[in-house]
């Protein structure tokens, strides 16, 4: 009888330990899920920002092409002053593309940071 009591007490103690471990595992899983949710939201914001930047770069690239075409036409027609002004405008638009590239690199770096922090 004493042996059975001891076994029963050991089973109860083991059961309590398993229950505690299960609770800890659930808490860790919940914490991980919450961190993943925060990371996903941050990534979504970064991606939305990158879409705007990509659109801006595409617009600027198209604008550069138009300005260069107009500058070439101005040179052919002998309008050197207009060609210079158009070339300056194209350089300004190109600087905008470089700025957008920098912004996109920054966004990419932030996205990597978010993912690495999650790991």
PDB file of N, CA and C in Angstrom:
ATOM      1  N   UNK A   1       0.827  -1.182   0.000  1.00  0.00           N
ATOM      2  CA  UNK A   1       0.000   0.000   0.000  1.00  0.00           C
ATOM      3  C   UNK A   1       0.874   1.249   0.000  1.00  0.00           C
ATOM      4  N   UNK A   2       1.924   1.232   0.783  1.00  0.00           N
ATOM      5  CA  UNK A   2       2.825   2.371   0.857  1.00  0.00           C
ATOM      6  C   UNK A   2       3.513   2.598  -0.484  1.00  0.00           C
ATOM      7  N   UNK A   3       3.850   1.517  -1.155  1.00  0.00           N
ATOM      8  CA  UNK A   3       4.489   1.597  -2.461  1.00  0.00           C
ATOM      9  C   UNK A   3       3.537   2.239  -3.476  1.00  0.00           C
ATOM     10  N   UNK A   4       2.281   1.861  -3.426  1.00  0.00           N
ATOM     11  CA  UNK A   4       1.291   2.414  -4.344  1.00  0.00           C
ATOM     12  C   UNK A   4       1.078   3.909  -4.072  1.00  0.00           C
ATOM     13  N   UNK A   5       1.105   4.286  -2.816  1.00  0.00           N
ATOM     14  CA  UNK A   5       0.963   5.692  -2.440  1.00  0.00           C
ATOM     15  C   UNK A   5       2.128   6.511  -2.977  1.00  0.00           C
ATOM     16  N   UNK A   6       3.320   5.958  -2.830  1.00  0.00           N
ATOM     17  CA  UNK A   6       4.516   6.635  -3.326  1.00  0.00           C
ATOM     18  C   UNK A   6       4.460   6.795  -4.846  1.00  0.00           C
ATOM     19  N   UNK A   7       4.030   5.763  -5.539  1.00  0.00           N
ATOM     20  CA  UNK A   7       3.902   5.822  -7.007  1.00  0.00           C
ATOM     21  C   UNK A   7       2.864   6.874  -7.388  1.00  0.00           C
ATOM     22  N   UNK A   8       1.757   6.895  -6.673  1.00  0.00           N
ATOM     23  CA  UNK A   8       0.702   7.874  -6.952  1.00  0.00           C
ATOM     24  C   UNK A   8       1.216   9.294  -6.732  1.00  0.00           C
ATOM     25  N   UNK A   9       1.976   9.503  -5.662  1.00  0.00           N
ATOM     26  CA  UNK A   9       2.540  10.829  -5.399  1.00  0.00           C
ATOM     27  C   UNK A   9       3.518  11.228  -6.500  1.00  0.00           C
ATOM     28  N   UNK A  10       4.318  10.281  -6.965  1.00  0.00           N
ATOM     29  CA  UNK A  10       5.267  10.564  -8.055  1.00  0.00           C
ATOM     30  C   UNK A  10       4.523  10.909  -9.337  1.00  0.00           C
ATOM     31  N   UNK A  11       3.454  10.218  -9.612  1.00  0.00           N
ATOM     32  CA  UNK A  11       2.652  10.495 -10.803  1.00  0.00           C
ATOM     33  C   UNK A  11       2.042  11.891 -10.705  1.00  0.00           C
ATOM     34  N   UNK A  12       1.547  12.236  -9.537  1.00  0.00           N
ATOM     35  CA  UNK A  12       0.956  13.564  -9.340  1.00  0.00           C
ATOM     36  C   UNK A  12       2.025  14.643  -9.515  1.00  0.00           C
ATOM     37  N   UNK A  13       3.198  14.442  -8.925  1.00  0.00           N
ATOM     38  CA  UNK A  13       4.286  15.419  -9.061  1.00  0.00           C
ATOM     39  C   UNK A  13       4.704  15.555 -10.520  1.00  0.00           C
ATOM     40  N   UNK A  14       4.807  14.417 -11.192  1.00  0.00           N
ATOM     41  CA  UNK A  14       5.187  14.439 -12.613  1.00  0.00           C
ATOM     42  C   UNK A  14       4.130  15.162 -13.439  1.00  0.00           C
ATOM     43  N   UNK A  15       2.885  14.931 -13.106  1.00  0.00           N
ATOM     44  CA  UNK A  15       1.779  15.572 -13.823  1.00  0.00           C
ATOM     45  C   UNK A  15       1.819  17.087 -13.636  1.00  0.00           C
ATOM     46  N   UNK A  16       2.105  17.531 -12.408  1.00  0.00           N
ATOM     47  CA  UNK A  16       2.201  18.972 -12.145  1.00  0.00           C
ATOM     48  C   UNK A  16       3.366  19.583 -12.917  1.00  0.00           C
ATOM     49  N   UNK A  17       4.474  18.857 -12.988  1.00  0.00           N
ATOM     50  CA  UNK A  17       5.645  19.347 -13.725  1.00  0.00           C
ATOM     51  C   UNK A  17       5.331  19.473 -15.217  1.00  0.00           C
ATOM     52  N   UNK A  18       4.675  18.477 -15.756  1.00  0.00           N
ATOM     53  CA  UNK A  18       4.304  18.514 -17.173  1.00  0.00           C
ATOM     54  C   UNK A  18       3.332  19.652 -17.430  1.00  0.00           C
ATOM     55  N   UNK A  19       2.400  19.853 -16.504  1.00  0.00           N
ATOM     56  CA  UNK A  19       1.432  20.945 -16.654  1.00  0.00           C
ATOM     57  C   UNK A  19       2.163  22.290 -16.683  1.00  0.00           C
ATOM     58  N   UNK A  20       3.151  22.455 -15.792  1.00  0.00           N
ATOM     59  CA  UNK A  20       3.932  23.694 -15.769  1.00  0.00           C
ATOM     60  C   UNK A  20       4.729  23.883 -17.053  1.00  0.00           C
ATOM     61  N   UNK A  21       5.329  22.808 -17.549  1.00  0.00           N
ATOM     62  CA  UNK A  21       6.090  22.884 -18.798  1.00  0.00           C
ATOM     63  C   UNK A  21       5.177  23.213 -19.971  1.00  0.00           C
ATOM     64  N   UNK A  22       3.986  22.662 -19.966  1.00  0.00           N
ATOM     65  CA  UNK A  22       3.017  22.946 -21.028  1.00  0.00           C
ATOM     66  C   UNK A  22       2.617  24.419 -21.009  1.00  0.00           C
ATOM     67  N   UNK A  23       2.404  24.945 -19.831  1.00  0.00           N
ATOM     68  CA  UNK A  23       2.041  26.366 -19.711  1.00  0.00           C
ATOM     69  C   UNK A  23       3.175  27.252 -20.206  1.00  0.00           C
ATOM     70  N   UNK A  24       4.412  26.900 -19.854  1.00  0.00           N
ATOM     71  CA  UNK A  24       5.568  27.682 -20.320  1.00  0.00           C
ATOM     72  C   UNK A  24       5.676  27.615 -21.840  1.00  0.00           C
ATOM     73  N   UNK A  25       5.473  26.448 -22.402  1.00  0.00           N
ATOM     74  CA  UNK A  25       5.559  26.291 -23.858  1.00  0.00           C
ATOM     75  C   UNK A  25       4.466  27.102 -24.553  1.00  0.00           C
ATOM     76  N   UNK A  26       3.276  27.099 -23.985  1.00  0.00           N
ATOM     77  CA  UNK A  26       2.179  27.895 -24.558  1.00  0.00           C
ATOM     78  C   UNK A  26       2.508  29.384 -24.506  1.00  0.00           C
ATOM     79  N   UNK A  27       3.061  29.818 -23.380  1.00  0.00           N
ATOM     80  CA  UNK A  27       3.435  31.228 -23.249  1.00  0.00           C
ATOM     81  C   UNK A  27       4.510  31.606 -24.266  1.00  0.00           C
ATOM     82  N   UNK A  28       5.492  30.735 -24.460  1.00  0.00           N
ATOM     83  CA  UNK A  28       6.534  31.002 -25.465  1.00  0.00           C
ATOM     84  C   UNK A  28       5.933  31.050 -26.867  1.00  0.00           C
ATOM     85  N   UNK A  29       5.043  30.115 -27.155  1.00  0.00           N
ATOM     86  CA  UNK A  29       4.405  30.087 -28.477  1.00  0.00           C
ATOM     87  C   UNK A  29       3.586  31.356 -28.707  1.00  0.00           C
ATOM     88  N   UNK A  30       2.877  31.802 -27.683  1.00  0.00           N
ATOM     89  CA  UNK A  30       2.091  33.030 -27.785  1.00  0.00           C
ATOM     90  C   UNK A  30       2.999  34.231 -28.014  1.00  0.00           C
ATOM     91  N   UNK A  31       4.087  34.298 -27.265  1.00  0.00           N
ATOM     92  CA  UNK A  31       5.041  35.397 -27.425  1.00  0.00           C
ATOM     93  C   UNK A  31       5.636  35.396 -28.831  1.00  0.00           C
ATOM     94  N   UNK A  32       6.006  34.229 -29.323  1.00  0.00           N
ATOM     95  CA  UNK A  32       6.556  34.128 -30.680  1.00  0.00           C
ATOM     96  C   UNK A  32       5.533  34.559 -31.728  1.00  0.00           C
ATOM     97  N   UNK A  33       4.296  34.164 -31.527  1.00  0.00           N
ATOM     98  CA  UNK A  33       3.235  34.546 -32.473  1.00  0.00           C
ATOM     99  C   UNK A  33       3.015  36.060 -32.461  1.00  0.00           C
ATOM    100  N   UNK A  34       3.059  36.650 -31.270  1.00  0.00           N
ATOM    101  CA  UNK A  34       2.887  38.097 -31.176  1.00  0.00           C
ATOM    102  C   UNK A  34       4.046  38.828 -31.858  1.00  0.00           C
ATOM    103  N   UNK A  35       5.265  38.343 -31.658  1.00  0.00           N
ATOM    104  CA  UNK A  35       6.430  38.943 -32.313  1.00  0.00           C
ATOM    105  C   UNK A  35       6.325  38.801 -33.831  1.00  0.00           C
ATOM    106  N   UNK A  36       5.865  37.658 -34.294  1.00  0.00           N
ATOM    107  CA  UNK A  36       5.707  37.446 -35.734  1.00  0.00           C
ATOM    108  C   UNK A  36       4.658  38.391 -36.310  1.00  0.00           C
ATOM    109  N   UNK A  37       3.599  38.633 -35.564  1.00  0.00           N
ATOM    110  CA  UNK A  37       2.548  39.553 -36.016  1.00  0.00           C
ATOM    111  C   UNK A  37       3.090  40.977 -36.129  1.00  0.00           C
ATOM    112  N   UNK A  38       3.832  41.396 -35.122  1.00  0.00           N
ATOM    113  CA  UNK A  38       4.429  42.739 -35.151  1.00  0.00           C
ATOM    114  C   UNK A  38       5.385  42.853 -36.341  1.00  0.00           C
ATOM    115  N   UNK A  39       6.213  41.822 -36.544  1.00  0.00           N
ATOM    116  CA  UNK A  39       7.164  41.834 -37.662  1.00  0.00           C
ATOM    117  C   UNK A  39       6.435  41.881 -38.997  1.00  0.00           C
ATOM    118  N   UNK A  40       5.369  41.114 -39.125  1.00  0.00           N
ATOM    119  CA  UNK A  40       4.601  41.109 -40.374  1.00  0.00           C
ATOM    120  C   UNK A  40       4.001  42.483 -40.657  1.00  0.00           C
ATOM    121  N   UNK A  41       3.498  43.137 -39.612  1.00  0.00           N
ATOM    122  CA  UNK A  41       2.936  44.483 -39.792  1.00  0.00           C
ATOM    123  C   UNK A  41       4.012  45.481 -40.194  1.00  0.00           C
ATOM    124  N   UNK A  42       5.185  45.388 -39.553  1.00  0.00           N
ATOM    125  CA  UNK A  42       6.289  46.290 -39.911  1.00  0.00           C
ATOM    126  C   UNK A  42       6.721  46.060 -41.352  1.00  0.00           C
ATOM    127  N   UNK A  43       6.819  44.789 -41.749  1.00  0.00           N
ATOM    128  CA  UNK A  43       7.205  44.480 -43.129  1.00  0.00           C
ATOM    129  C   UNK A  43       6.172  45.013 -44.118  1.00  0.00           C
ATOM    130  N   UNK A  44       4.911  44.877 -43.783  1.00  0.00           N
ATOM    131  CA  UNK A  44       3.851  45.380 -44.668  1.00  0.00           C
ATOM    132  C   UNK A  44       3.993  46.885 -44.872  1.00  0.00           C
ATOM    133  N   UNK A  45       4.296  47.607 -43.786  1.00  0.00           N
ATOM    134  CA  UNK A  45       4.485  49.052 -43.899  1.00  0.00           C
ATOM    135  C   UNK A  45       5.695  49.373 -44.779  1.00  0.00           C
ATOM    136  N   UNK A  46       6.780  48.635 -44.590  1.00  0.00           N
ATOM    137  CA  UNK A  46       7.998  48.866 -45.378  1.00  0.00           C
ATOM    138  C   UNK A  46       7.740  48.577 -46.851  1.00  0.00           C
ATOM    139  N   UNK A  47       7.026  47.504 -47.121  1.00  0.00           N
ATOM    140  CA  UNK A  47       6.738  47.145 -48.514  1.00  0.00           C
ATOM    141  C   UNK A  47       5.851  48.198 -49.161  1.00  0.00           C
ATOM    142  N   UNK A  48       4.880  48.698 -48.405  1.00  0.00           N
ATOM    143  CA  UNK A  48       4.019  49.763 -48.943  1.00  0.00           C
ATOM    144  C   UNK A  48       4.858  50.987 -49.281  1.00  0.00           C
ATOM    145  N   UNK A  49       5.805  51.320 -48.425  1.00  0.00           N
ATOM    146  CA  UNK A  49       6.694  52.453 -48.684  1.00  0.00           C
ATOM    147  C   UNK A  49       7.570  52.217 -49.895  1.00  0.00           C
ATOM    148  N   UNK A  50       7.999  50.976 -50.071  1.00  0.00           N
ATOM    149  CA  UNK A  50       8.867  50.693 -51.216  1.00  0.00           C
ATOM    150  C   UNK A  50       8.088  50.769 -52.521  1.00  0.00           C
ATOM    151  N   UNK A  51       6.817  50.406 -52.487  1.00  0.00           N
ATOM    152  CA  UNK A  51       5.992  50.509 -53.694  1.00  0.00           C
ATOM    153  C   UNK A  51       5.897  51.959 -54.155  1.00  0.00           C
ATOM    154  N   UNK A  52       5.697  52.862 -53.203  1.00  0.00           N
ATOM    155  CA  UNK A  52       5.631  54.283 -53.538  1.00  0.00           C
ATOM    156  C   UNK A  52       6.962  54.762 -54.105  1.00  0.00           C
ATOM    157  N   UNK A  53       8.052  54.304 -53.506  1.00  0.00           N
ATOM    158  CA  UNK A  53       9.379  54.702 -53.978  1.00  0.00           C
ATOM    159  C   UNK A  53       9.651  54.158 -55.377  1.00  0.00           C
ATOM    160  N   UNK A  54       9.257  52.916 -55.609  1.00  0.00           N
ATOM    161  CA  UNK A  54       9.446  52.330 -56.945  1.00  0.00           C
ATOM    162  C   UNK A  54       8.648  53.094 -57.993  1.00  0.00           C
ATOM    163  N   UNK A  55       7.429  53.467 -57.653  1.00  0.00           N
ATOM    164  CA  UNK A  55       6.603  54.238 -58.578  1.00  0.00           C
ATOM    165  C   UNK A  55       7.258  55.579 -58.877  1.00  0.00           C
ATOM    166  N   UNK A  56       7.783  56.216 -57.852  1.00  0.00           N
ATOM    167  CA  UNK A  56       8.464  57.495 -58.022  1.00  0.00           C
ATOM    168  C   UNK A  56       9.684  57.352 -58.930  1.00  0.00           C
ATOM    169  N   UNK A  57      10.449  56.291 -58.733  1.00  0.00           N
ATOM    170  CA  UNK A  57      11.630  56.058 -59.570  1.00  0.00           C
ATOM    171  C   UNK A  57      11.230  55.820 -61.019  1.00  0.00           C
ATOM    172  N   UNK A  58      10.179  55.058 -61.226  1.00  0.00           N
ATOM    173  CA  UNK A  58       9.713  54.787 -62.594  1.00  0.00           C
ATOM    174  C   UNK A  58       9.240  56.076 -63.269  1.00  0.00           C
ATOM    175  N   UNK A  59       8.523  56.894 -62.522  1.00  0.00           N
ATOM    176  CA  UNK A  59       8.074  58.186 -63.068  1.00  0.00           C
ATOM    177  C   UNK A  59       9.271  59.063 -63.436  1.00  0.00           C
ATOM    178  N   UNK A  60      10.242  59.094 -62.548  1.00  0.00           N
ATOM    179  CA  UNK A  60      11.435  59.913 -62.799  1.00  0.00           C
ATOM    180  C   UNK A  60      12.200  59.401 -64.007  1.00  0.00           C
ATOM    181  N   UNK A  61      12.316  58.094 -64.139  1.00  0.00           N
ATOM    182  CA  UNK A  61      13.023  57.517 -65.284  1.00  0.00           C
ATOM    183  C   UNK A  61      12.325  57.879 -66.594  1.00  0.00           C
ATOM    184  N   UNK A  62      11.016  57.819 -66.589  1.00  0.00           N
ATOM    185  CA  UNK A  62      10.255  58.202 -67.787  1.00  0.00           C
ATOM    186  C   UNK A  62      10.437  59.690 -68.083  1.00  0.00           C
ATOM    187  N   UNK A  63      10.440  60.492 -67.037  1.00  0.00           N
ATOM    188  CA  UNK A  63      10.649  61.928 -67.196  1.00  0.00           C
ATOM    189  C   UNK A  63      12.042  62.213 -67.764  1.00  0.00           C
ATOM    190  N   UNK A  64      13.042  61.491 -67.276  1.00  0.00           N
ATOM    191  CA  UNK A  64      14.412  61.669 -67.789  1.00  0.00           C
ATOM    192  C   UNK A  64      14.458  61.375 -69.280  1.00  0.00           C
ATOM    193  N   UNK A  65      13.827  60.273 -69.672  1.00  0.00           N
ATOM    194  CA  UNK A  65      13.816  59.902 -71.098  1.00  0.00           C
ATOM    195  C   UNK A  65      13.188  61.007 -71.943  1.00  0.00           C
ATOM    196  N   UNK A  66      12.074  61.550 -71.477  1.00  0.00           N
ATOM    197  CA  UNK A  66      11.407  62.621 -72.217  1.00  0.00           C
ATOM    198  C   UNK A  66      12.282  63.874 -72.296  1.00  0.00           C
ATOM    199  N   UNK A  67      12.913  64.213 -71.179  1.00  0.00           N
ATOM    200  CA  UNK A  67      13.782  65.399 -71.159  1.00  0.00           C
ATOM    201  C   UNK A  67      14.979  65.233 -72.084  1.00  0.00           C
ATOM    202  N   UNK A  68      15.569  64.062 -72.089  1.00  0.00           N
ATOM    203  CA  UNK A  68      16.718  63.802 -72.968  1.00  0.00           C
ATOM    204  C   UNK A  68      16.286  63.884 -74.433  1.00  0.00           C
ATOM    205  N   UNK A  69      15.138  63.286 -74.749  1.00  0.00           N
ATOM    206  CA  UNK A  69      14.630  63.358 -76.128  1.00  0.00           C
ATOM    207  C   UNK A  69      14.409  64.814 -76.549  1.00  0.00           C
ATOM    208  N   UNK A  70      13.837  65.604 -75.639  1.00  0.00           N
ATOM    209  CA  UNK A  70      13.619  67.021 -75.950  1.00  0.00           C
ATOM    210  C   UNK A  70      14.949  67.762 -76.084  1.00  0.00           C
ATOM    211  N   UNK A  71      15.922  67.407 -75.250  1.00  0.00           N
ATOM    212  CA  UNK A  71      17.237  68.053 -75.324  1.00  0.00           C
ATOM    213  C   UNK A  71      17.904  67.737 -76.660  1.00  0.00           C
ATOM    214  N   UNK A  72      17.791  66.493 -77.100  1.00  0.00           N
ATOM    215  CA  UNK A  72      18.375  66.107 -78.398  1.00  0.00           C
ATOM    216  C   UNK A  72      17.704  66.883 -79.523  1.00  0.00           C
ATOM    217  N   UNK A  73      16.398  66.970 -79.453  1.00  0.00           N
ATOM    218  CA  UNK A  73      15.666  67.733 -80.471  1.00  0.00           C
ATOM    219  C   UNK A  73      16.109  69.192 -80.461  1.00  0.00           C
ATOM    220  N   UNK A  74      16.282  69.753 -79.279  1.00  0.00           N
ATOM    221  CA  UNK A  74      16.712  71.152 -79.162  1.00  0.00           C
ATOM    222  C   UNK A  74      18.105  71.338 -79.758  1.00  0.00           C
ATOM    223  N   UNK A  75      19.002  70.390 -79.528  1.00  0.00           N
ATOM    224  CA  UNK A  75      20.358  70.487 -80.088  1.00  0.00           C
ATOM    225  C   UNK A  75      20.300  70.426 -81.610  1.00  0.00           C
ATOM    226  N   UNK A  76      19.504  69.488 -82.121  1.00  0.00           N
ATOM    227  CA  UNK A  76      19.383  69.340 -83.586  1.00  0.00           C
ATOM    228  C   UNK A  76      18.839  70.629 -84.205  1.00  0.00           C
ATOM    229  N   UNK A  77      17.938  71.279 -83.505  1.00  0.00           N
ATOM    230  CA  UNK A  77      17.337  72.514 -84.025  1.00  0.00           C
ATOM    231  C   UNK A  77      18.181  73.748 -83.703  1.00  0.00           C
ATOM    232  N   UNK A  78      19.321  73.521 -83.030  1.00  0.00           N
ATOM    233  CA  UNK A  78      20.226  74.635 -82.736  1.00  0.00           C
ATOM    234  C   UNK A  78      19.840  75.457 -81.530  1.00  0.00           C
ATOM    235  N   UNK A  79      18.934  74.985 -80.730  1.00  0.00           N
ATOM    236  CA  UNK A  79      18.499  75.716 -79.544  1.00  0.00           C
ATOM    237  C   UNK A  79      19.326  75.261 -78.336  1.00  0.00           C
ATOM    238  N   UNK A  80      20.552  75.740 -78.282  1.00  0.00           N
ATOM    239  CA  UNK A  80      21.507  75.271 -77.274  1.00  0.00           C
ATOM    240  C   UNK A  80      21.087  75.646 -75.851  1.00  0.00           C
ATOM    241  N   UNK A  81      20.514  76.828 -75.683  1.00  0.00           N
ATOM    242  CA  UNK A  81      20.094  77.248 -74.344  1.00  0.00           C
ATOM    243  C   UNK A  81      18.991  76.330 -73.812  1.00  0.00           C
ATOM    244  N   UNK A  82      18.033  76.028 -74.676  1.00  0.00           N
ATOM    245  CA  UNK A  82      16.950  75.115 -74.286  1.00  0.00           C
ATOM    246  C   UNK A  82      17.509  73.723 -73.990  1.00  0.00           C
ATOM    247  N   UNK A  83      18.480  73.283 -74.798  1.00  0.00           N
ATOM    248  CA  UNK A  83      19.096  71.973 -74.590  1.00  0.00           C
ATOM    249  C   UNK A  83      19.793  71.912 -73.235  1.00  0.00           C
ATOM    250  N   UNK A  84      20.496  72.971 -72.881  1.00  0.00           N
ATOM    251  CA  UNK A  84      21.175  73.019 -71.572  1.00  0.00           C
ATOM    252  C   UNK A  84      20.154  72.944 -70.429  1.00  0.00           C
ATOM    253  N   UNK A  85      19.082  73.696 -70.560  1.00  0.00           N
ATOM    254  CA  UNK A  85      18.052  73.700 -69.518  1.00  0.00           C
ATOM    255  C   UNK A  85      17.415  72.312 -69.379  1.00  0.00           C
ATOM    256  N   UNK A  86      17.152  71.675 -70.507  1.00  0.00           N
ATOM    257  CA  UNK A  86      16.570  70.327 -70.477  1.00  0.00           C
ATOM    258  C   UNK A  86      17.551  69.313 -69.884  1.00  0.00           C
ATOM    259  N   UNK A  87      18.826  69.477 -70.211  1.00  0.00           N
ATOM    260  CA  UNK A  87      19.846  68.585 -69.658  1.00  0.00           C
ATOM    261  C   UNK A  87      19.954  68.767 -68.144  1.00  0.00           C
ATOM    262  N   UNK A  88      19.879  69.992 -67.698  1.00  0.00           N
ATOM    263  CA  UNK A  88      19.909  70.264 -66.252  1.00  0.00           C
ATOM    264  C   UNK A  88      18.697  69.633 -65.560  1.00  0.00           C
ATOM    265  N   UNK A  89      17.547  69.754 -66.191  1.00  0.00           N
ATOM    266  CA  UNK A  89      16.333  69.147 -65.633  1.00  0.00           C
ATOM    267  C   UNK A  89      16.462  67.620 -65.589  1.00  0.00           C
ATOM    268  N   UNK A  90      17.082  67.043 -66.623  1.00  0.00           N
ATOM    269  CA  UNK A  90      17.284  65.590 -66.654  1.00  0.00           C
ATOM    270  C   UNK A  90      18.234  65.162 -65.535  1.00  0.00           C
ATOM    271  N   UNK A  91      19.274  65.961 -65.291  1.00  0.00           N
ATOM    272  CA  UNK A  91      20.206  65.650 -64.195  1.00  0.00           C
ATOM    273  C   UNK A  91      19.491  65.709 -62.848  1.00  0.00           C
ATOM    274  N   UNK A  92      18.627  66.689 -62.684  1.00  0.00           N
ATOM    275  CA  UNK A  92      17.864  66.800 -61.438  1.00  0.00           C
ATOM    276  C   UNK A  92      16.975  65.576 -61.250  1.00  0.00           C
ATOM    277  N   UNK A  93      16.323  65.155 -62.323  1.00  0.00           N
ATOM    278  CA  UNK A  93      15.471  63.961 -62.248  1.00  0.00           C
ATOM    279  C   UNK A  93      16.317  62.716 -61.958  1.00  0.00           C
ATOM    280  N   UNK A  94      17.514  62.646 -62.533  1.00  0.00           N
ATOM    281  CA  UNK A  94      18.408  61.511 -62.274  1.00  0.00           C
ATOM    282  C   UNK A  94      18.834  61.493 -60.807  1.00  0.00           C
ATOM    283  N   UNK A  95      19.069  62.678 -60.254  1.00  0.00           N
ATOM    284  CA  UNK A  95      19.405  62.755 -58.824  1.00  0.00           C
ATOM    285  C   UNK A  95      18.251  62.244 -57.967  1.00  0.00           C
ATOM    286  N   UNK A  96      17.034  62.492 -58.417  1.00  0.00           N
ATOM    287  CA  UNK A  96      15.858  61.983 -57.719  1.00  0.00           C
ATOM    288  C   UNK A  96      15.855  60.455 -57.731  1.00  0.00           C
ATOM    289  N   UNK A  97      16.206  59.863 -58.867  1.00  0.00           N
ATOM    290  CA  UNK A  97      16.264  58.405 -58.962  1.00  0.00           C
ATOM    291  C   UNK A  97      17.334  57.860 -58.006  1.00  0.00           C
ATOM    292  N   UNK A  98      18.459  58.532 -57.937  1.00  0.00           N
ATOM    293  CA  UNK A  98      19.527  58.107 -57.019  1.00  0.00           C
ATOM    294  C   UNK A  98      19.026  58.191 -55.575  1.00  0.00           C
ATOM    295  N   UNK A  99      18.296  59.236 -55.270  1.00  0.00           N
ATOM    296  CA  UNK A  99      17.734  59.392 -53.927  1.00  0.00           C
ATOM    297  C   UNK A  99      16.746  58.269 -53.620  1.00  0.00           C
ATOM    298  N   UNK A 100      15.914  57.944 -54.594  1.00  0.00           N
ATOM    299  CA  UNK A 100      14.939  56.860 -54.411  1.00  0.00           C
ATOM    300  C   UNK A 100      15.671  55.538 -54.211  1.00  0.00           C
ATOM    301  N   UNK A 101      16.751  55.334 -54.956  1.00  0.00           N
ATOM    302  CA  UNK A 101      17.539  54.107 -54.793  1.00  0.00           C
ATOM    303  C   UNK A 101      18.046  54.011 -53.356  1.00  0.00           C
ATOM    304  N   UNK A 102      18.525  55.110 -52.836  1.00  0.00           N
ATOM    305  CA  UNK A 102      19.002  55.136 -51.453  1.00  0.00           C
ATOM    306  C   UNK A 102      17.872  54.802 -50.485  1.00  0.00           C
ATOM    307  N   UNK A 103      16.703  55.355 -50.737  1.00  0.00           N
ATOM    308  CA  UNK A 103      15.538  55.073 -49.897  1.00  0.00           C
ATOM    309  C   UNK A 103      15.171  53.597 -49.952  1.00  0.00           C
ATOM    310  N   UNK A 104      15.192  53.023 -51.161  1.00  0.00           N
ATOM    311  CA  UNK A 104      14.863  51.607 -51.308  1.00  0.00           C
ATOM    312  C   UNK A 104      15.885  50.719 -50.596  1.00  0.00           C
ATOM    313  N   UNK A 105      17.155  51.086 -50.671  1.00  0.00           N
ATOM    314  CA  UNK A 105      18.189  50.325 -49.958  1.00  0.00           C
ATOM    315  C   UNK A 105      17.955  50.394 -48.457  1.00  0.00           C
ATOM    316  N   UNK A 106      17.546  51.553 -47.987  1.00  0.00           N
ATOM    317  CA  UNK A 106      17.251  51.720 -46.562  1.00  0.00           C
ATOM    318  C   UNK A 106      16.060  50.854 -46.159  1.00  0.00           C
ATOM    319  N   UNK A 107      15.036  50.847 -46.994  1.00  0.00           N
ATOM    320  CA  UNK A 107      13.850  50.027 -46.716  1.00  0.00           C
ATOM    321  C   UNK A 107      14.233  48.551 -46.686  1.00  0.00           C
ATOM    322  N   UNK A 108      15.063  48.133 -47.625  1.00  0.00           N
ATOM    323  CA  UNK A 108      15.505  46.749 -47.669  1.00  0.00           C
ATOM    324  C   UNK A 108      16.289  46.394 -46.406  1.00  0.00           C
ATOM    325  N   UNK A 109      17.160  47.305 -45.974  1.00  0.00           N
ATOM    326  CA  UNK A 109      17.915  47.081 -44.747  1.00  0.00           C
ATOM    327  C   UNK A 109      16.998  46.955 -43.538  1.00  0.00           C
ATOM    328  N   UNK A 110      15.982  47.795 -43.481  1.00  0.00           N
ATOM    329  CA  UNK A 110      15.015  47.718 -42.388  1.00  0.00           C
ATOM    330  C   UNK A 110      14.256  46.387 -42.418  1.00  0.00           C
ATOM    331  N   UNK A 111      13.900  45.949 -43.619  1.00  0.00           N
ATOM    332  CA  UNK A 111      13.184  44.675 -43.742  1.00  0.00           C
ATOM    333  C   UNK A 111      14.059  43.519 -43.252  1.00  0.00           C
ATOM    334  N   UNK A 112      15.321  43.529 -43.631  1.00  0.00           N
ATOM    335  CA  UNK A 112      16.226  42.491 -43.144  1.00  0.00           C
ATOM    336  C   UNK A 112      16.347  42.543 -41.623  1.00  0.00           C
ATOM    337  N   UNK A 113      16.444  43.757 -41.075  1.00  0.00           N
ATOM    338  CA  UNK A 113      16.564  43.900 -39.621  1.00  0.00           C
ATOM    339  C   UNK A 113      15.343  43.313 -38.920  1.00  0.00           C
ATOM    340  N   UNK A 114      14.181  43.605 -39.475  1.00  0.00           N
ATOM    341  CA  UNK A 114      12.935  43.083 -38.884  1.00  0.00           C
ATOM    342  C   UNK A 114      12.949  41.559 -38.886  1.00  0.00           C
ATOM    343  N   UNK A 115      13.355  40.989 -40.007  1.00  0.00           N
ATOM    344  CA  UNK A 115      13.369  39.526 -40.097  1.00  0.00           C
ATOM    345  C   UNK A 115      14.418  38.913 -39.167  1.00  0.00           C
ATOM    346  N   UNK A 116      15.607  39.510 -39.122  1.00  0.00           N
ATOM    347  CA  UNK A 116      16.639  38.970 -38.245  1.00  0.00           C
ATOM    348  C   UNK A 116      16.270  39.113 -36.775  1.00  0.00           C
ATOM    349  N   UNK A 117      15.608  40.214 -36.428  1.00  0.00           N
ATOM    350  CA  UNK A 117      15.156  40.380 -35.046  1.00  0.00           C
ATOM    351  C   UNK A 117      14.137  39.305 -34.672  1.00  0.00           C
ATOM    352  N   UNK A 118      13.350  38.900 -35.637  1.00  0.00           N
ATOM    353  CA  UNK A 118      12.349  37.872 -35.395  1.00  0.00           C
ATOM    354  C   UNK A 118      13.015  36.528 -35.107  1.00  0.00           C
ATOM    355  N   UNK A 119      14.126  36.290 -35.793  1.00  0.00           N
ATOM    356  CA  UNK A 119      14.831  35.027 -35.569  1.00  0.00           C
ATOM    357  C   UNK A 119      15.514  35.063 -34.240  1.00  0.00           C
TER     358      UNK A 119
END
